[in-house]
C-alpha atoms as a PDB file:
ATOM      1  CA  MET A   1     -11.905  -9.110   9.468  1.00  0.00           C
ATOM      2  CA  ARG A   2     -15.094  -7.999  11.175  1.00  0.00           C
ATOM      3  CA  ASP A   3     -14.614  -4.791  13.184  1.00  0.00           C
ATOM      4  CA  GLN A   4     -10.917  -4.575  12.294  1.00  0.00           C
ATOM      5  CA  ALA A   5      -9.826  -0.938  11.920  1.00  0.00           C
ATOM      6  CA  ILE A   6      -7.905  -0.602   8.662  1.00  0.00           C
ATOM      7  CA  VAL A   7      -6.105   2.432   7.222  1.00  0.00           C
ATOM      8  CA  ILE A   8      -5.293   2.374   3.504  1.00  0.00           C
ATOM      9  CA  THR A   9      -3.005   4.929   1.846  1.00  0.00           C
ATOM     10  CA  GLY A  10      -3.270   5.726  -1.839  1.00  0.00           C
ATOM     11  CA  ALA A  11      -6.828   4.585  -1.311  1.00  0.00           C
ATOM     12  CA  PHE A  12      -8.429   6.431  -4.232  1.00  0.00           C
ATOM     13  CA  GLY A  13      -6.246   4.594  -6.762  1.00  0.00           C
ATOM     14  CA  SER A  14      -7.094   1.309  -8.458  1.00  0.00           C
ATOM     15  CA  LEU A  15      -5.432  -1.028  -5.943  1.00  0.00           C
ATOM     16  CA  GLY A  16      -6.263   1.030  -2.874  1.00  0.00           C
ATOM     17  CA  ALA A  17      -9.921   1.265  -3.825  1.00  0.00           C
ATOM     18  CA  ALA A  18     -10.143  -2.469  -4.576  1.00  0.00           C
ATOM     19  CA  THR A  19      -8.584  -3.239  -1.198  1.00  0.00           C
ATOM     20  CA  ALA A  20     -10.960  -0.878   0.583  1.00  0.00           C
ATOM     21  CA  ARG A  21     -14.003  -2.437  -1.090  1.00  0.00           C
ATOM     22  CA  ALA A  22     -12.837  -5.955  -0.222  1.00  0.00           C
ATOM     23  CA  ALA A  23     -12.130  -4.973   3.387  1.00  0.00           C
ATOM     24  CA  VAL A  24     -15.609  -3.508   3.835  1.00  0.00           C
ATOM     25  CA  LYS A  25     -17.172  -6.694   2.464  1.00  0.00           C
ATOM     26  CA  LEU A  26     -15.278  -8.611   5.161  1.00  0.00           C
ATOM     27  CA  GLY A  27     -16.745  -6.385   7.858  1.00  0.00           C
ATOM     28  CA  ALA A  28     -13.786  -4.070   8.473  1.00  0.00           C
ATOM     29  CA  ARG A  29     -13.958  -0.409   9.406  1.00  0.00           C
ATOM     30  CA  VAL A  30     -11.870   1.495   6.860  1.00  0.00           C
ATOM     31  CA  ALA A  31     -10.152   4.865   6.600  1.00  0.00           C
ATOM     32  CA  LEU A  32      -9.068   5.931   3.117  1.00  0.00           C
ATOM     33  CA  ILE A  33      -6.147   8.363   2.818  1.00  0.00           C
ATOM     34  CA  ASP A  34      -5.031   9.924  -0.464  1.00  0.00           C
ATOM     35  CA  ARG A  35      -3.268  13.020  -1.772  1.00  0.00           C
ATOM     36  CA  ALA A  36      -6.100  13.657  -4.268  1.00  0.00           C
ATOM     37  CA  ALA A  37      -8.412  16.504  -3.342  1.00  0.00           C
ATOM     38  CA  ALA A  38     -11.546  14.344  -3.329  1.00  0.00           C
ATOM     39  CA  ALA A  39     -12.550  10.703  -3.529  1.00  0.00           C
ATOM     40  CA  PRO A  40     -14.278   9.458  -6.688  1.00  0.00           C
ATOM     41  CA  ALA A  41     -18.036   9.633  -6.232  1.00  0.00           C
ATOM     42  CA  GLU A  42     -18.425   5.973  -7.172  1.00  0.00           C
ATOM     43  CA  LEU A  43     -15.959   4.892  -4.471  1.00  0.00           C
ATOM     44  CA  THR A  44     -17.716   7.028  -1.860  1.00  0.00           C
ATOM     45  CA  ALA A  45     -21.007   5.319  -2.669  1.00  0.00           C
ATOM     46  CA  GLN A  46     -19.465   1.857  -2.607  1.00  0.00           C
ATOM     47  CA  MET A  47     -17.852   2.332   0.809  1.00  0.00           C
ATOM     48  CA  GLY A  48     -21.020   3.261   2.669  1.00  0.00           C
ATOM     49  CA  ALA A  49     -21.627   5.631   5.525  1.00  0.00           C
ATOM     50  CA  GLY A  50     -19.125   4.135   7.955  1.00  0.00           C
ATOM     51  CA  ALA A  51     -15.977   4.792   5.930  1.00  0.00           C
ATOM     52  CA  VAL A  52     -13.586   7.593   6.829  1.00  0.00           C
ATOM     53  CA  PHE A  53     -12.263   9.652   3.902  1.00  0.00           C
ATOM     54  CA  LEU A  54      -9.133  11.772   4.347  1.00  0.00           C
ATOM     55  CA  PRO A  55      -8.330  13.477   1.009  1.00  0.00           C
ATOM     56  CA  GLY A  56      -5.619  16.007   0.247  1.00  0.00           C
ATOM     57  CA  VAL A  57      -2.973  14.426   2.492  1.00  0.00           C
ATOM     58  CA  GLU A  58       0.675  14.752   1.458  1.00  0.00           C
ATOM     59  CA  LEU A  59       2.147  11.657   3.088  1.00  0.00           C
ATOM     60  CA  ALA A  60       5.682  12.663   2.112  1.00  0.00           C
ATOM     61  CA  ASP A  61       5.354  15.324   4.811  1.00  0.00           C
ATOM     62  CA  GLU A  62       5.982  13.656   8.165  1.00  0.00           C
ATOM     63  CA  ALA A  63       3.712  15.946  10.157  1.00  0.00           C
ATOM     64  CA  ALA A  64       0.863  15.571   7.648  1.00  0.00           C
ATOM     65  CA  ALA A  65       1.230  11.799   7.642  1.00  0.00           C
ATOM     66  CA  ARG A  66       1.170  11.640  11.428  1.00  0.00           C
ATOM     67  CA  SER A  67      -1.861  13.912  11.620  1.00  0.00           C
ATOM     68  CA  ALA A  68      -3.752  11.792   9.079  1.00  0.00           C
ATOM     69  CA  ILE A  69      -2.954   8.515  10.837  1.00  0.00           C
ATOM     70  CA  ASP A  70      -3.906   9.976  14.224  1.00  0.00           C
ATOM     71  CA  THR A  71      -7.172  11.321  12.796  1.00  0.00           C
ATOM     72  CA  ALA A  72      -7.986   7.980  11.174  1.00  0.00           C
ATOM     73  CA  GLN A  73      -7.275   6.137  14.422  1.00  0.00           C
ATOM     74  CA  ALA A  74      -9.485   8.495  16.392  1.00  0.00           C
ATOM     75  CA  ARG A  75     -12.401   8.279  13.956  1.00  0.00           C
ATOM     76  CA  LEU A  76     -12.138   4.490  13.655  1.00  0.00           C
ATOM     77  CA  GLN A  77     -11.692   4.202  17.428  1.00  0.00           C
ATOM     78  CA  GLY A  78      -8.616   2.073  16.939  1.00  0.00           C
ATOM     79  CA  LEU A  79      -6.029   0.970  14.397  1.00  0.00           C
ATOM     80  CA  ASP A  80      -5.285  -2.669  13.661  1.00  0.00           C
ATOM     81  CA  VAL A  81      -3.977  -2.636  10.090  1.00  0.00           C
ATOM     82  CA  LEU A  82      -1.982  -0.233   7.917  1.00  0.00           C
ATOM     83  CA  ILE A  83      -1.924  -0.958   4.172  1.00  0.00           C
ATOM     84  CA  ASN A  84       0.399   1.237   2.105  1.00  0.00           C
ATOM     85  CA  THR A  85      -0.739   1.250  -1.527  1.00  0.00           C
ATOM     86  CA  ALA A  86       0.414   4.816  -2.251  1.00  0.00           C
ATOM     87  CA  GLY A  87       2.980   4.711  -5.034  1.00  0.00           C
ATOM     88  CA  ALA A  88       4.014   5.709  -8.533  1.00  0.00           C
ATOM     89  CA  PHE A  89       5.842   4.372 -11.593  1.00  0.00           C
ATOM     90  CA  ARG A  90       8.075   5.957 -14.217  1.00  0.00           C
ATOM     91  CA  TRP A  91      10.073   4.246 -16.959  1.00  0.00           C
ATOM     92  CA  GLN A  92      13.335   5.898 -17.925  1.00  0.00           C
ATOM     93  CA  THR A  93      16.877   4.847 -18.690  1.00  0.00           C
ATOM     94  CA  VAL A  94      19.644   5.937 -16.353  1.00  0.00           C
ATOM     95  CA  ALA A  95      21.711   7.546 -19.102  1.00  0.00           C
ATOM     96  CA  ASP A  96      18.902   9.580 -20.657  1.00  0.00           C
ATOM     97  CA  GLY A  97      16.725  10.064 -17.612  1.00  0.00           C
ATOM     98  CA  ASP A  98      16.126  12.856 -15.151  1.00  0.00           C
ATOM     99  CA  ALA A  99      17.600  12.753 -11.648  1.00  0.00           C
ATOM    100  CA  ALA A 100      14.435  14.416 -10.374  1.00  0.00           C
ATOM    101  CA  VAL A 101      12.531  11.223 -11.176  1.00  0.00           C
ATOM    102  CA  TRP A 102      14.739   9.331  -8.735  1.00  0.00           C
ATOM    103  CA  ASP A 103      13.887  11.858  -6.014  1.00  0.00           C
ATOM    104  CA  SER A 104      10.199  11.713  -6.898  1.00  0.00           C
ATOM    105  CA  LEU A 105       9.920   7.909  -6.856  1.00  0.00           C
ATOM    106  CA  PHE A 106      11.863   7.559  -3.621  1.00  0.00           C
ATOM    107  CA  THR A 107       9.575  10.177  -2.072  1.00  0.00           C
ATOM    108  CA  ILE A 108       6.309   8.663  -3.295  1.00  0.00           C
ATOM    109  CA  ASN A 109       7.157   4.959  -3.006  1.00  0.00           C
ATOM    110  CA  LEU A 110       9.433   4.840   0.030  1.00  0.00           C
ATOM    111  CA  LYS A 111       9.230   8.002   2.120  1.00  0.00           C
ATOM    112  CA  THR A 112       5.442   7.909   2.316  1.00  0.00           C
ATOM    113  CA  ALA A 113       5.597   4.330   3.616  1.00  0.00           C
ATOM    114  CA  VAL A 114       8.251   5.235   6.177  1.00  0.00           C
ATOM    115  CA  ASN A 115       6.194   8.180   7.437  1.00  0.00           C
ATOM    116  CA  THR A 116       2.941   6.255   7.742  1.00  0.00           C
ATOM    117  CA  CYS A 117       4.584   3.242   9.380  1.00  0.00           C
ATOM    118  CA  ARG A 118       6.268   5.454  11.952  1.00  0.00           C
ATOM    119  CA  ALA A 119       2.997   7.247  12.661  1.00  0.00           C
ATOM    120  CA  ALA A 120       1.017   4.006  12.942  1.00  0.00           C
ATOM    121  CA  ILE A 121       3.366   2.043  15.216  1.00  0.00           C
ATOM    122  CA  PRO A 122       2.176   3.553  18.526  1.00  0.00           C
ATOM    123  CA  HIS A 123      -1.435   2.763  17.612  1.00  0.00           C
ATOM    124  CA  LEU A 124      -0.634  -0.732  16.322  1.00  0.00           C
ATOM    125  CA  ARG A 125       1.064  -1.529  19.628  1.00  0.00           C
ATOM    126  CA  ALA A 126      -2.315  -1.045  21.297  1.00  0.00           C
ATOM    127  CA  SER A 127      -3.935  -3.581  18.947  1.00  0.00           C
ATOM    128  CA  ARG A 128      -4.081  -7.218  19.935  1.00  0.00           C
ATOM    129  CA  ALA A 129      -2.661  -8.109  16.502  1.00  0.00           C
ATOM    130  CA  GLY A 130      -1.206  -5.212  14.531  1.00  0.00           C
ATOM    131  CA  ARG A 131      -0.506  -5.587  10.818  1.00  0.00           C
ATOM    132  CA  ILE A 132       1.423  -3.601   8.219  1.00  0.00           C
ATOM    133  CA  VAL A 133       1.285  -4.572   4.545  1.00  0.00           C
ATOM    134  CA  ASN A 134       3.447  -2.692   2.045  1.00  0.00           C
ATOM    135  CA  ILE A 135       3.458  -2.802  -1.760  1.00  0.00           C
ATOM    136  CA  GLY A 136       6.848  -3.731  -3.148  1.00  0.00           C
ATOM    137  CA  ALA A 137       7.523  -4.803  -6.729  1.00  0.00           C
ATOM    138  CA  TYR A 138       8.583  -7.995  -8.429  1.00  0.00           C
ATOM    139  CA  ALA A 139      10.657  -5.804 -10.762  1.00  0.00           C
ATOM    140  CA  ALA A 140      12.753  -4.717  -7.795  1.00  0.00           C
ATOM    141  CA  LEU A 141      14.158  -8.244  -7.374  1.00  0.00           C
ATOM    142  CA  LYS A 142      16.072  -7.857 -10.649  1.00  0.00           C
ATOM    143  CA  ALA A 143      15.675  -4.572 -12.480  1.00  0.00           C
ATOM    144  CA  GLY A 144      15.490  -4.388 -16.243  1.00  0.00           C
ATOM    145  CA  ALA A 145      16.252  -1.553 -18.641  1.00  0.00           C
ATOM    146  CA  GLY A 146      14.429   1.637 -17.765  1.00  0.00           C
ATOM    147  CA  MET A 147      13.456   0.331 -14.340  1.00  0.00           C
ATOM    148  CA  GLY A 148      16.381   1.718 -12.301  1.00  0.00           C
ATOM    149  CA  ALA A 149      14.654   4.480 -10.360  1.00  0.00           C
ATOM    150  CA  TYR A 150      11.430   2.557  -9.814  1.00  0.00           C
ATOM    151  CA  ALA A 151      13.151  -0.678  -8.814  1.00  0.00           C
ATOM    152  CA  ALA A 152      15.542   1.111  -6.477  1.00  0.00           C
ATOM    153  CA  SER A 153      12.690   2.876  -4.688  1.00  0.00           C
ATOM    154  CA  LYS A 154      10.713  -0.358  -4.355  1.00  0.00           C
ATOM    155  CA  ALA A 155      13.813  -2.225  -3.165  1.00  0.00           C
ATOM    156  CA  GLY A 156      13.834   0.357  -0.389  1.00  0.00           C
ATOM    157  CA  VAL A 157      10.294  -0.692   0.491  1.00  0.00           C
ATOM    158  CA  HIS A 158      11.516  -4.313   0.664  1.00  0.00           C
ATOM    159  CA  ARG A 159      14.321  -3.434   3.067  1.00  0.00           C
ATOM    160  CA  LEU A 160      11.947  -1.261   5.139  1.00  0.00           C
ATOM    161  CA  THR A 161       9.578  -4.220   5.418  1.00  0.00           C
ATOM    162  CA  GLU A 162      12.301  -6.624   6.522  1.00  0.00           C
ATOM    163  CA  SER A 163      13.864  -4.238   9.020  1.00  0.00           C
ATOM    164  CA  LEU A 164      10.572  -3.147  10.548  1.00  0.00           C
ATOM    165  CA  SER A 165       9.461  -6.753  10.830  1.00  0.00           C
ATOM    166  CA  ALA A 166      12.558  -7.567  12.868  1.00  0.00           C
ATOM    167  CA  GLU A 167      11.997  -4.527  15.080  1.00  0.00           C
ATOM    168  CA  LEU A 168       8.326  -5.293  15.790  1.00  0.00           C
ATOM    169  CA  LYS A 169       8.126  -9.090  15.818  1.00  0.00           C
ATOM    170  CA  ASP A 170       8.088  -9.254  19.626  1.00  0.00           C
ATOM    171  CA  GLN A 171       5.291  -6.677  19.844  1.00  0.00           C
ATOM    172  CA  ARG A 172       2.540  -8.710  18.112  1.00  0.00           C
ATOM    173  CA  ILE A 173       2.913  -6.632  14.945  1.00  0.00           C
ATOM    174  CA  THR A 174       3.610  -8.319  11.620  1.00  0.00           C
ATOM    175  CA  VAL A 175       5.101  -6.502   8.627  1.00  0.00           C
ATOM    176  CA  ASN A 176       4.929  -7.987   5.131  1.00  0.00           C
ATOM    177  CA  ALA A 177       4.977  -6.856   1.519  1.00  0.00           C
ATOM    178  CA  VAL A 178       3.410  -8.111  -1.683  1.00  0.00           C
ATOM    179  CA  LEU A 179       5.532  -7.946  -4.838  1.00  0.00           C
ATOM    180  CA  PRO A 180       3.201  -7.689  -7.843  1.00  0.00           C
ATOM    181  CA  SER A 181       4.360  -7.840 -11.435  1.00  0.00           C
ATOM    182  CA  ILE A 182       1.981  -5.954 -13.759  1.00  0.00           C
ATOM    183  CA  ILE A 183      -1.297  -4.977 -12.108  1.00  0.00           C
ATOM    184  CA  ASP A 184      -4.357  -4.791 -14.342  1.00  0.00           C
ATOM    185  CA  THR A 185      -5.290  -1.122 -13.985  1.00  0.00           C
ATOM    186  CA  PRO A 186      -6.655   1.423 -16.474  1.00  0.00           C
ATOM    187  CA  PRO A 187      -3.324   3.350 -16.634  1.00  0.00           C
ATOM    188  CA  ASN A 188      -1.375   0.149 -17.349  1.00  0.00           C
ATOM    189  CA  ARG A 189      -3.835  -0.857 -20.074  1.00  0.00           C
ATOM    190  CA  LYS A 190      -3.470   2.580 -21.633  1.00  0.00           C
ATOM    191  CA  ASP A 191       0.339   2.386 -21.552  1.00  0.00           C
ATOM    192  CA  MET A 192       0.442  -1.171 -22.970  1.00  0.00           C
ATOM    193  CA  PRO A 193      -2.624  -1.471 -25.226  1.00  0.00           C
ATOM    194  CA  LYS A 194      -1.324  -4.503 -27.148  1.00  0.00           C
ATOM    195  CA  ALA A 195      -0.579  -6.607 -24.056  1.00  0.00           C
ATOM    196  CA  ASP A 196      -2.536  -9.665 -23.000  1.00  0.00           C
ATOM    197  CA  PHE A 197      -4.353  -8.229 -19.987  1.00  0.00           C
ATOM    198  CA  SER A 198      -5.561 -11.675 -18.928  1.00  0.00           C
ATOM    199  CA  THR A 199      -2.039 -12.577 -17.789  1.00  0.00           C
ATOM    200  CA  TRP A 200      -1.797  -9.604 -15.435  1.00  0.00           C
ATOM    201  CA  VAL A 201      -2.657  -9.552 -11.719  1.00  0.00           C
ATOM    202  CA  SER A 202      -6.141  -8.181 -11.097  1.00  0.00           C
ATOM    203  CA  THR A 203      -6.615  -5.577  -8.397  1.00  0.00           C
ATOM    204  CA  GLU A 204      -9.269  -7.780  -6.782  1.00  0.00           C
ATOM    205  CA  SER A 205      -6.917 -10.768  -6.565  1.00  0.00           C
ATOM    206  CA  LEU A 206      -4.079  -8.673  -5.151  1.00  0.00           C
ATOM    207  CA  ALA A 207      -6.454  -7.050  -2.653  1.00  0.00           C
ATOM    208  CA  ASN A 208      -7.479 -10.477  -1.343  1.00  0.00           C
ATOM    209  CA  ILE A 209      -3.839 -11.459  -0.861  1.00  0.00           C
ATOM    210  CA  ILE A 210      -3.125  -8.192   0.945  1.00  0.00           C
ATOM    211  CA  LEU A 211      -6.073  -8.757   3.265  1.00  0.00           C
ATOM    212  CA  PHE A 212      -4.955 -12.302   3.987  1.00  0.00           C
ATOM    213  CA  LEU A 213      -1.608 -10.932   5.197  1.00  0.00           C
ATOM    214  CA  ALA A 214      -3.592  -8.424   7.279  1.00  0.00           C
ATOM    215  CA  SER A 215      -5.762 -11.110   8.860  1.00  0.00           C
ATOM    216  CA  GLU A 216      -5.478 -13.255  11.968  1.00  0.00           C
ATOM    217  CA  GLN A 217      -4.803 -16.274   9.746  1.00  0.00           C
ATOM    218  CA  ALA A 218      -1.431 -14.730   8.837  1.00  0.00           C
ATOM    219  CA  GLN A 219      -0.305 -14.211  12.421  1.00  0.00           C
ATOM    220  CA  ASP A 220       2.827 -16.325  11.922  1.00  0.00           C
ATOM    221  CA  ILE A 221       3.938 -14.607   8.720  1.00  0.00           C
ATOM    222  CA  THR A 222       6.227 -11.593   9.065  1.00  0.00           C
ATOM    223  CA  GLY A 223       9.130 -10.161   7.123  1.00  0.00           C
ATOM    224  CA  THR A 224       7.877 -11.872   3.967  1.00  0.00           C
ATOM    225  CA  LEU A 225       8.238 -10.446   0.458  1.00  0.00           C
ATOM    226  CA  LEU A 226       5.516 -12.302  -1.418  1.00  0.00           C
ATOM    227  CA  PRO A 227       5.698 -12.342  -5.230  1.00  0.00           C
ATOM    228  CA  VAL A 228       2.287 -12.030  -6.915  1.00  0.00           C
ATOM    229  CA  THR A 229       2.916 -12.406 -10.611  1.00  0.00           C
ATOM    230  CA  GLY A 230      -0.156 -13.935 -12.249  1.00  0.00           C
ATOM    231  CA  ARG A 231       0.944 -15.418 -15.579  1.00  0.00           C
ATOM    232  CA  THR A 232       3.391 -12.675 -16.547  1.00  0.00           C
END
């Protein structure tokens, strides 16, 4: 992926940071967008001087998302790949839950992806091989108890991926999504301390799969919802 210009949303989180680190190792030029006010110092050091950091961006706001994507494209001098790792999870039953959680998860998981995809499309059209990779969820294929709001929002990401793929397939832009089960992150370990972490999907493994879908080797793959479930 040498010299590929890659924008990653939710880039200060566990998966976004792992994807950014892996992309840099492959020679990509990377812009990291996140709603957090500042990037972790360790991540800043790992990314090196060439990385573009855009903190404090509320991607649920269409104008803010467009401004961030345009700024990233200008500073990278191009845009070849958009990777949407921004997202959130909440467990709650439908009967005892809060309707505001549904609004929140649809905003964070789906609306942010819609806004960034829309903002990136004009730039990706100028690339010789544009790529969009979204983060869906294996749980959205068949939701279990307490997963209604999360699964519904991620199912929206699946349908966005399929629809956008059909719209862009004749413009040399591929659109795919990975569907992880449980990702091995510090928050998930904290929430499930008695689980067997070795069966979960590591952020490094998932990052490599994401970057494969973003690479030239995946030029004939589009509209795919790829389960990544480890041994869960």
